[in-house]
N, C-alpha and C. Protein backbone atom coordinates (compact mmCIF):
# COMPACT_ATOMS: atom_id res chain seq x y z
N UNK A 1 -27.21 -2.69 9.97
CA UNK A 1 -26.59 -1.78 9.05
C UNK A 1 -27.43 -1.66 7.80
N UNK A 2 -27.83 -0.45 7.49
CA UNK A 2 -28.57 -0.26 6.25
C UNK A 2 -28.19 1.06 5.60
N UNK A 3 -28.30 1.07 4.33
CA UNK A 3 -28.11 2.31 3.57
C UNK A 3 -29.15 3.32 4.01
N UNK A 4 -30.36 2.85 4.29
CA UNK A 4 -31.44 3.73 4.73
C UNK A 4 -31.07 4.49 6.01
N UNK A 5 -30.39 3.83 6.95
CA UNK A 5 -29.98 4.47 8.20
C UNK A 5 -28.98 5.60 7.93
N UNK A 6 -28.03 5.35 7.04
CA UNK A 6 -27.03 6.38 6.71
C UNK A 6 -27.70 7.54 6.00
N UNK A 7 -28.59 7.25 5.06
CA UNK A 7 -29.30 8.33 4.36
C UNK A 7 -30.07 9.19 5.35
N UNK A 8 -30.76 8.57 6.30
CA UNK A 8 -31.51 9.33 7.31
C UNK A 8 -30.58 10.22 8.13
N UNK A 9 -29.40 9.71 8.49
CA UNK A 9 -28.45 10.51 9.27
C UNK A 9 -27.91 11.68 8.45
N UNK A 10 -27.60 11.44 7.19
CA UNK A 10 -27.13 12.53 6.32
C UNK A 10 -28.24 13.56 6.10
N UNK A 11 -29.47 13.10 5.94
CA UNK A 11 -30.57 14.02 5.74
C UNK A 11 -30.83 14.87 6.98
N UNK A 12 -30.51 14.36 8.15
CA UNK A 12 -30.61 15.17 9.38
C UNK A 12 -29.63 16.33 9.33
N UNK A 13 -28.42 16.07 8.87
CA UNK A 13 -27.43 17.14 8.70
C UNK A 13 -27.93 18.13 7.65
N UNK A 14 -28.42 17.60 6.53
CA UNK A 14 -28.88 18.48 5.44
C UNK A 14 -30.06 19.34 5.85
N UNK A 15 -30.97 18.79 6.65
CA UNK A 15 -32.14 19.55 7.09
C UNK A 15 -31.75 20.75 7.94
N UNK A 16 -30.59 20.68 8.58
CA UNK A 16 -30.13 21.78 9.44
C UNK A 16 -29.37 22.85 8.66
N UNK A 17 -29.10 22.62 7.38
CA UNK A 17 -28.37 23.60 6.57
C UNK A 17 -29.25 24.82 6.34
N UNK A 18 -28.66 25.99 6.50
CA UNK A 18 -29.37 27.24 6.27
C UNK A 18 -29.99 27.23 4.88
N UNK A 19 -31.23 27.62 4.78
CA UNK A 19 -32.00 27.75 3.54
C UNK A 19 -32.52 26.44 2.96
N UNK A 20 -32.21 25.28 3.55
CA UNK A 20 -32.81 24.02 3.07
C UNK A 20 -34.20 23.92 3.67
N UNK A 21 -35.21 23.76 2.81
CA UNK A 21 -36.59 23.65 3.29
C UNK A 21 -37.03 22.21 3.49
N UNK A 22 -36.39 21.27 2.80
CA UNK A 22 -36.87 19.90 2.84
C UNK A 22 -35.70 18.94 2.60
N UNK A 23 -35.60 17.92 3.43
CA UNK A 23 -34.58 16.87 3.29
C UNK A 23 -35.24 15.53 3.60
N UNK A 24 -36.06 15.04 2.67
CA UNK A 24 -36.82 13.80 2.93
C UNK A 24 -35.92 12.56 2.94
N UNK A 25 -36.34 11.56 3.69
CA UNK A 25 -35.61 10.29 3.68
C UNK A 25 -36.19 9.33 2.65
N UNK A 26 -37.40 9.58 2.20
CA UNK A 26 -38.00 8.81 1.11
C UNK A 26 -37.98 9.67 -0.15
N UNK A 27 -37.86 9.03 -1.30
CA UNK A 27 -37.80 9.76 -2.56
C UNK A 27 -39.20 10.16 -3.00
N UNK A 28 -39.43 11.47 -3.21
CA UNK A 28 -40.75 11.91 -3.64
C UNK A 28 -41.00 11.51 -5.10
N UNK A 29 -42.26 11.31 -5.45
CA UNK A 29 -42.58 10.97 -6.84
C UNK A 29 -42.36 12.17 -7.76
N UNK A 30 -42.50 13.38 -7.21
CA UNK A 30 -42.18 14.60 -7.95
C UNK A 30 -41.84 15.69 -6.94
N UNK A 31 -41.23 16.73 -7.42
CA UNK A 31 -40.83 17.84 -6.55
C UNK A 31 -41.82 18.99 -6.72
N UNK A 32 -42.34 19.45 -5.61
CA UNK A 32 -43.23 20.61 -5.61
C UNK A 32 -42.41 21.86 -5.34
N UNK A 33 -42.73 22.95 -6.01
CA UNK A 33 -41.99 24.21 -5.81
C UNK A 33 -41.98 24.65 -4.35
N UNK A 34 -43.07 24.39 -3.64
CA UNK A 34 -43.17 24.79 -2.23
C UNK A 34 -42.17 24.05 -1.35
N UNK A 35 -41.65 22.91 -1.82
CA UNK A 35 -40.70 22.11 -1.03
C UNK A 35 -39.24 22.48 -1.30
N UNK A 36 -39.00 23.45 -2.16
CA UNK A 36 -37.63 23.81 -2.53
C UNK A 36 -37.09 24.93 -1.66
N UNK A 37 -35.80 24.95 -1.44
CA UNK A 37 -34.77 23.99 -1.83
C UNK A 37 -34.90 22.67 -1.07
N UNK A 38 -34.64 21.58 -1.80
CA UNK A 38 -34.76 20.24 -1.27
C UNK A 38 -33.46 19.47 -1.52
N UNK A 39 -33.02 18.73 -0.50
CA UNK A 39 -31.85 17.87 -0.65
C UNK A 39 -32.31 16.42 -0.69
N UNK A 40 -31.85 15.70 -1.71
CA UNK A 40 -32.14 14.27 -1.82
C UNK A 40 -30.80 13.55 -1.84
N UNK A 41 -30.65 12.53 -1.02
CA UNK A 41 -29.40 11.78 -0.91
C UNK A 41 -29.54 10.43 -1.58
N UNK A 42 -28.57 10.13 -2.43
CA UNK A 42 -28.54 8.88 -3.20
C UNK A 42 -27.32 8.08 -2.80
N UNK A 43 -27.46 6.77 -2.60
CA UNK A 43 -26.27 5.94 -2.36
C UNK A 43 -25.53 5.74 -3.68
N UNK A 44 -24.20 5.85 -3.61
CA UNK A 44 -23.38 5.68 -4.80
C UNK A 44 -22.52 4.44 -4.69
N UNK A 45 -21.43 4.43 -5.43
CA UNK A 45 -20.54 3.26 -5.43
C UNK A 45 -19.88 3.03 -4.09
N UNK A 46 -19.50 1.77 -3.84
CA UNK A 46 -18.86 1.40 -2.58
C UNK A 46 -17.73 0.41 -2.84
N UNK A 47 -16.80 0.38 -1.90
CA UNK A 47 -15.76 -0.65 -1.86
C UNK A 47 -15.90 -1.34 -0.52
N UNK A 48 -16.03 -2.66 -0.54
CA UNK A 48 -16.23 -3.43 0.68
C UNK A 48 -15.09 -4.42 0.86
N UNK A 49 -14.56 -4.48 2.08
CA UNK A 49 -13.51 -5.44 2.41
C UNK A 49 -13.95 -6.25 3.61
N UNK A 50 -13.41 -7.47 3.75
CA UNK A 50 -13.77 -8.33 4.87
C UNK A 50 -12.53 -9.01 5.44
N UNK A 51 -11.57 -8.27 6.01
CA UNK A 51 -10.45 -8.98 6.61
C UNK A 51 -10.87 -9.70 7.89
N UNK A 52 -10.89 -9.03 9.01
CA UNK A 52 -11.32 -9.67 10.26
C UNK A 52 -12.78 -9.37 10.54
N UNK A 53 -13.17 -8.15 10.31
CA UNK A 53 -14.57 -7.78 10.44
C UNK A 53 -15.06 -7.43 9.06
N UNK A 54 -15.93 -6.45 8.98
CA UNK A 54 -16.42 -6.01 7.68
C UNK A 54 -16.31 -4.50 7.62
N UNK A 55 -15.91 -3.99 6.45
CA UNK A 55 -15.75 -2.54 6.29
C UNK A 55 -16.15 -2.16 4.88
N UNK A 56 -16.83 -1.06 4.77
CA UNK A 56 -17.25 -0.55 3.47
C UNK A 56 -17.04 0.96 3.46
N UNK A 57 -16.68 1.48 2.28
CA UNK A 57 -16.63 2.92 2.09
C UNK A 57 -17.50 3.23 0.89
N UNK A 58 -18.60 3.92 1.16
CA UNK A 58 -19.58 4.23 0.10
C UNK A 58 -19.67 5.74 -0.08
N UNK A 59 -19.73 6.14 -1.34
CA UNK A 59 -19.96 7.54 -1.67
C UNK A 59 -21.46 7.79 -1.70
N UNK A 60 -21.89 8.82 -0.98
CA UNK A 60 -23.29 9.25 -1.00
C UNK A 60 -23.35 10.58 -1.73
N UNK A 61 -24.25 10.67 -2.69
CA UNK A 61 -24.41 11.90 -3.45
C UNK A 61 -25.65 12.62 -2.98
N UNK A 62 -25.46 13.86 -2.59
CA UNK A 62 -26.58 14.68 -2.15
C UNK A 62 -26.86 15.71 -3.24
N UNK A 63 -28.07 15.67 -3.77
CA UNK A 63 -28.46 16.61 -4.80
C UNK A 63 -29.37 17.65 -4.17
N UNK A 64 -28.99 18.91 -4.32
CA UNK A 64 -29.80 20.01 -3.81
C UNK A 64 -30.54 20.63 -4.98
N UNK A 65 -31.85 20.41 -5.01
CA UNK A 65 -32.70 21.01 -6.03
C UNK A 65 -33.13 22.37 -5.49
N UNK A 66 -32.78 23.44 -6.21
CA UNK A 66 -32.97 24.78 -5.67
C UNK A 66 -34.24 25.45 -6.16
N UNK A 67 -34.44 25.44 -7.47
CA UNK A 67 -35.68 25.99 -8.03
C UNK A 67 -35.83 25.52 -9.46
N UNK A 68 -37.07 25.46 -9.96
CA UNK A 68 -37.26 25.03 -11.34
C UNK A 68 -36.58 26.00 -12.30
N UNK A 69 -35.98 25.45 -13.35
CA UNK A 69 -35.29 26.26 -14.34
C UNK A 69 -36.25 27.17 -15.09
N UNK A 70 -37.45 26.69 -15.35
CA UNK A 70 -38.41 27.46 -16.15
C UNK A 70 -39.40 28.25 -15.30
N UNK A 71 -39.03 28.58 -14.08
CA UNK A 71 -39.95 29.28 -13.19
C UNK A 71 -40.15 30.73 -13.62
N UNK A 72 -39.33 31.24 -14.52
CA UNK A 72 -39.53 32.57 -15.05
C UNK A 72 -38.91 33.68 -14.22
N UNK A 73 -38.04 33.32 -13.28
CA UNK A 73 -37.40 34.36 -12.45
C UNK A 73 -36.04 34.76 -13.00
N UNK A 74 -35.60 34.12 -14.05
CA UNK A 74 -34.33 34.50 -14.66
C UNK A 74 -33.19 33.60 -14.25
N UNK A 75 -32.29 33.42 -15.20
CA UNK A 75 -31.13 32.56 -14.99
C UNK A 75 -30.26 33.08 -13.85
N UNK A 76 -29.98 34.38 -13.83
CA UNK A 76 -29.08 34.94 -12.82
C UNK A 76 -29.61 34.68 -11.41
N UNK A 77 -30.91 34.83 -11.21
CA UNK A 77 -31.47 34.61 -9.88
C UNK A 77 -31.30 33.17 -9.43
N UNK A 78 -31.54 32.23 -10.35
CA UNK A 78 -31.38 30.81 -10.01
C UNK A 78 -29.95 30.48 -9.63
N UNK A 79 -28.99 30.98 -10.40
CA UNK A 79 -27.59 30.67 -10.09
C UNK A 79 -27.13 31.40 -8.84
N UNK A 80 -27.64 32.61 -8.58
CA UNK A 80 -27.28 33.31 -7.34
C UNK A 80 -27.78 32.55 -6.12
N UNK A 81 -28.97 31.98 -6.20
CA UNK A 81 -29.47 31.16 -5.09
C UNK A 81 -28.62 29.89 -4.94
N UNK A 82 -28.18 29.33 -6.06
CA UNK A 82 -27.32 28.14 -6.01
C UNK A 82 -25.99 28.48 -5.35
N UNK A 83 -25.45 29.64 -5.64
CA UNK A 83 -24.18 30.07 -5.05
C UNK A 83 -24.31 30.20 -3.53
N UNK A 84 -25.38 30.79 -3.08
CA UNK A 84 -25.62 30.93 -1.64
C UNK A 84 -25.78 29.57 -0.98
N UNK A 85 -26.52 28.67 -1.63
CA UNK A 85 -26.73 27.33 -1.10
C UNK A 85 -25.42 26.55 -1.04
N UNK A 86 -24.59 26.70 -2.07
CA UNK A 86 -23.30 26.00 -2.08
C UNK A 86 -22.47 26.41 -0.88
N UNK A 87 -22.44 27.70 -0.57
CA UNK A 87 -21.67 28.17 0.59
C UNK A 87 -22.24 27.60 1.88
N UNK A 88 -23.57 27.52 1.98
CA UNK A 88 -24.19 26.94 3.18
C UNK A 88 -23.79 25.48 3.35
N UNK A 89 -23.70 24.73 2.25
CA UNK A 89 -23.28 23.33 2.32
C UNK A 89 -21.81 23.22 2.71
N UNK A 90 -20.97 24.07 2.14
CA UNK A 90 -19.55 24.07 2.51
C UNK A 90 -19.41 24.32 4.01
N UNK A 91 -20.16 25.30 4.51
CA UNK A 91 -20.10 25.61 5.94
C UNK A 91 -20.59 24.44 6.80
N UNK A 92 -21.67 23.77 6.36
CA UNK A 92 -22.24 22.67 7.15
C UNK A 92 -21.32 21.46 7.21
N UNK A 93 -20.58 21.20 6.14
CA UNK A 93 -19.74 20.01 6.08
C UNK A 93 -18.26 20.31 6.32
N UNK A 94 -17.93 21.53 6.71
CA UNK A 94 -16.53 21.92 6.89
C UNK A 94 -15.81 21.12 7.97
N UNK A 95 -16.49 20.75 9.02
CA UNK A 95 -15.85 20.07 10.15
C UNK A 95 -16.44 18.70 10.41
N UNK A 96 -16.65 17.92 9.37
CA UNK A 96 -17.31 16.63 9.58
C UNK A 96 -16.37 15.43 9.49
N UNK A 97 -15.07 15.64 9.47
CA UNK A 97 -14.15 14.50 9.35
C UNK A 97 -14.38 13.53 10.50
N UNK A 98 -14.69 12.31 10.15
CA UNK A 98 -14.95 11.23 11.09
C UNK A 98 -16.13 11.50 12.04
N UNK A 99 -17.07 12.32 11.61
CA UNK A 99 -18.28 12.53 12.41
C UNK A 99 -19.08 11.23 12.40
N UNK A 100 -19.37 10.74 13.58
CA UNK A 100 -20.11 9.49 13.73
C UNK A 100 -21.57 9.72 13.40
N UNK A 101 -22.06 9.04 12.39
CA UNK A 101 -23.46 9.15 11.99
C UNK A 101 -24.33 8.13 12.71
N UNK A 102 -23.80 6.91 12.84
CA UNK A 102 -24.56 5.81 13.43
C UNK A 102 -23.61 4.98 14.28
N UNK A 103 -24.06 4.57 15.47
CA UNK A 103 -23.29 3.66 16.31
C UNK A 103 -24.27 2.87 17.16
N UNK A 104 -24.55 1.64 16.73
CA UNK A 104 -25.51 0.82 17.49
C UNK A 104 -24.83 -0.34 18.22
N UNK A 105 -23.52 -0.28 18.37
CA UNK A 105 -22.80 -1.34 19.07
C UNK A 105 -22.15 -2.33 18.12
N UNK A 106 -22.89 -2.77 17.11
CA UNK A 106 -22.31 -3.69 16.14
C UNK A 106 -22.06 -3.03 14.79
N UNK A 107 -22.58 -1.84 14.61
CA UNK A 107 -22.46 -1.12 13.34
C UNK A 107 -22.12 0.33 13.59
N UNK A 108 -21.12 0.83 12.86
CA UNK A 108 -20.75 2.24 12.94
C UNK A 108 -20.63 2.81 11.54
N UNK A 109 -21.04 4.06 11.37
CA UNK A 109 -20.88 4.76 10.11
C UNK A 109 -20.42 6.17 10.41
N UNK A 110 -19.37 6.61 9.72
CA UNK A 110 -18.85 7.97 9.93
C UNK A 110 -18.46 8.58 8.59
N UNK A 111 -18.60 9.91 8.52
CA UNK A 111 -18.22 10.66 7.32
C UNK A 111 -16.71 10.84 7.31
N UNK A 112 -16.12 10.58 6.15
CA UNK A 112 -14.69 10.85 5.98
C UNK A 112 -14.53 12.16 5.20
N UNK A 113 -13.51 12.89 5.50
CA UNK A 113 -13.20 14.09 4.70
C UNK A 113 -11.70 14.35 4.72
N UNK A 114 -10.92 13.28 4.59
CA UNK A 114 -9.48 13.42 4.56
C UNK A 114 -9.00 13.43 3.11
N UNK A 115 -7.68 13.48 2.90
CA UNK A 115 -7.12 13.57 1.55
C UNK A 115 -7.50 12.37 0.69
N UNK A 116 -7.67 11.20 1.28
CA UNK A 116 -8.02 10.00 0.52
C UNK A 116 -9.50 9.95 0.16
N UNK A 117 -10.32 10.68 0.87
CA UNK A 117 -11.77 10.67 0.64
C UNK A 117 -12.34 12.06 0.87
N UNK A 118 -11.99 13.01 0.01
CA UNK A 118 -12.47 14.38 0.25
C UNK A 118 -13.96 14.53 -0.04
N UNK A 119 -14.56 15.53 0.58
CA UNK A 119 -15.93 15.91 0.25
C UNK A 119 -15.83 16.71 -1.04
N UNK A 120 -16.64 16.35 -2.04
CA UNK A 120 -16.55 17.02 -3.33
C UNK A 120 -17.92 17.52 -3.77
N UNK A 121 -17.92 18.45 -4.71
CA UNK A 121 -19.18 18.89 -5.31
C UNK A 121 -18.99 18.99 -6.81
N UNK A 122 -20.09 19.02 -7.50
CA UNK A 122 -20.06 19.07 -8.96
C UNK A 122 -20.29 20.47 -9.51
N UNK A 123 -20.24 21.47 -8.63
CA UNK A 123 -20.52 22.83 -9.10
C UNK A 123 -22.01 22.99 -9.41
N UNK A 124 -22.32 24.02 -10.15
CA UNK A 124 -23.72 24.28 -10.52
C UNK A 124 -24.13 23.39 -11.68
N UNK A 125 -25.36 22.89 -11.61
CA UNK A 125 -25.86 22.03 -12.68
C UNK A 125 -27.35 22.27 -12.90
N UNK A 126 -27.82 21.96 -14.09
CA UNK A 126 -29.25 21.87 -14.37
C UNK A 126 -29.57 20.40 -14.40
N UNK A 127 -30.43 19.94 -13.49
CA UNK A 127 -30.70 18.52 -13.35
C UNK A 127 -32.20 18.23 -13.40
N UNK A 128 -32.52 17.08 -13.95
CA UNK A 128 -33.92 16.63 -13.99
C UNK A 128 -34.23 15.88 -12.70
N UNK A 129 -35.52 15.81 -12.38
CA UNK A 129 -35.97 14.92 -11.31
C UNK A 129 -37.19 14.17 -11.80
N UNK A 130 -37.21 12.85 -11.64
CA UNK A 130 -36.12 11.97 -11.22
C UNK A 130 -34.96 12.04 -12.21
N UNK A 131 -33.74 11.78 -11.72
CA UNK A 131 -32.54 11.98 -12.54
C UNK A 131 -32.49 11.16 -13.82
N UNK A 132 -33.15 10.04 -13.88
CA UNK A 132 -33.07 9.16 -15.06
C UNK A 132 -33.96 9.62 -16.21
N UNK A 133 -34.83 10.59 -15.98
CA UNK A 133 -35.75 11.03 -17.03
C UNK A 133 -35.07 12.02 -17.97
N UNK A 134 -35.45 11.96 -19.23
CA UNK A 134 -34.95 12.91 -20.22
C UNK A 134 -36.11 13.36 -21.08
N UNK A 135 -35.90 14.40 -21.86
CA UNK A 135 -36.92 14.89 -22.77
C UNK A 135 -37.32 16.31 -22.46
N UNK A 136 -37.96 16.92 -23.41
CA UNK A 136 -38.34 18.34 -23.29
C UNK A 136 -39.39 18.59 -22.22
N UNK A 137 -40.21 17.59 -21.92
CA UNK A 137 -41.29 17.79 -20.96
C UNK A 137 -40.88 17.49 -19.51
N UNK A 138 -39.62 17.13 -19.29
CA UNK A 138 -39.13 16.82 -17.95
C UNK A 138 -38.66 18.11 -17.28
N UNK A 139 -39.12 18.32 -16.05
CA UNK A 139 -38.73 19.52 -15.29
C UNK A 139 -37.25 19.46 -14.92
N UNK A 140 -36.55 20.56 -15.18
CA UNK A 140 -35.15 20.70 -14.78
C UNK A 140 -35.04 21.76 -13.70
N UNK A 141 -34.03 21.59 -12.85
CA UNK A 141 -33.87 22.46 -11.69
C UNK A 141 -32.45 22.99 -11.62
N UNK A 142 -32.31 24.23 -11.11
CA UNK A 142 -31.00 24.70 -10.71
C UNK A 142 -30.60 23.80 -9.55
N UNK A 143 -29.40 23.25 -9.59
CA UNK A 143 -29.04 22.25 -8.59
C UNK A 143 -27.54 22.27 -8.30
N UNK A 144 -27.21 21.62 -7.19
CA UNK A 144 -25.82 21.38 -6.78
C UNK A 144 -25.75 19.91 -6.37
N UNK A 145 -24.66 19.25 -6.72
CA UNK A 145 -24.45 17.88 -6.25
C UNK A 145 -23.22 17.87 -5.36
N UNK A 146 -23.39 17.27 -4.20
CA UNK A 146 -22.36 17.19 -3.18
C UNK A 146 -22.11 15.73 -2.88
N UNK A 147 -20.86 15.32 -2.70
CA UNK A 147 -20.54 13.91 -2.44
C UNK A 147 -19.69 13.77 -1.19
N UNK A 148 -20.08 12.81 -0.34
CA UNK A 148 -19.30 12.47 0.86
C UNK A 148 -19.06 10.97 0.87
N UNK A 149 -17.93 10.57 1.45
CA UNK A 149 -17.63 9.16 1.62
C UNK A 149 -17.95 8.79 3.06
N UNK A 150 -18.70 7.72 3.22
CA UNK A 150 -19.07 7.23 4.55
C UNK A 150 -18.39 5.89 4.76
N UNK A 151 -17.63 5.82 5.84
CA UNK A 151 -16.97 4.56 6.22
C UNK A 151 -17.91 3.81 7.16
N UNK A 152 -18.20 2.57 6.80
CA UNK A 152 -19.09 1.73 7.59
C UNK A 152 -18.32 0.49 8.06
N UNK A 153 -18.45 0.16 9.33
CA UNK A 153 -17.85 -1.08 9.85
C UNK A 153 -18.91 -1.82 10.64
N UNK A 154 -18.88 -3.14 10.57
CA UNK A 154 -19.84 -3.95 11.30
C UNK A 154 -19.21 -5.31 11.64
N UNK A 155 -19.78 -5.95 12.62
CA UNK A 155 -19.25 -7.24 13.08
C UNK A 155 -19.83 -8.38 12.27
């Protein structure tokens, strides 16, 4: 069981989304315009329990970088592309409740999308990459953040 395995499985789903050009499993040192739109998946907070076996529910955040903010094509064009991408993500994740991502016999991971763990998004955002950087010289992108809860069980 690894976070890396779940990220790879989620990135496989993301790579199949209409208009996504790149869904790497490793984090790039920087984003090239030719690789956009790009989805990067980050592991988020988790709750782990150990009654008889082991179970964890972790939120994975998928950030879709659509285009650089300062590319000179205009604000409206960037947000219109974000709107189209958001709909593509909604369509891709519409029927993923309990979709099995990984099953190796001792470890299983599946996406939840029920009332207790809905798939959520943060709407349109301007985000830096890498996310922890700040300042005027840091590239910002038209972006969408999408969150899914993955239930993991292992022996």
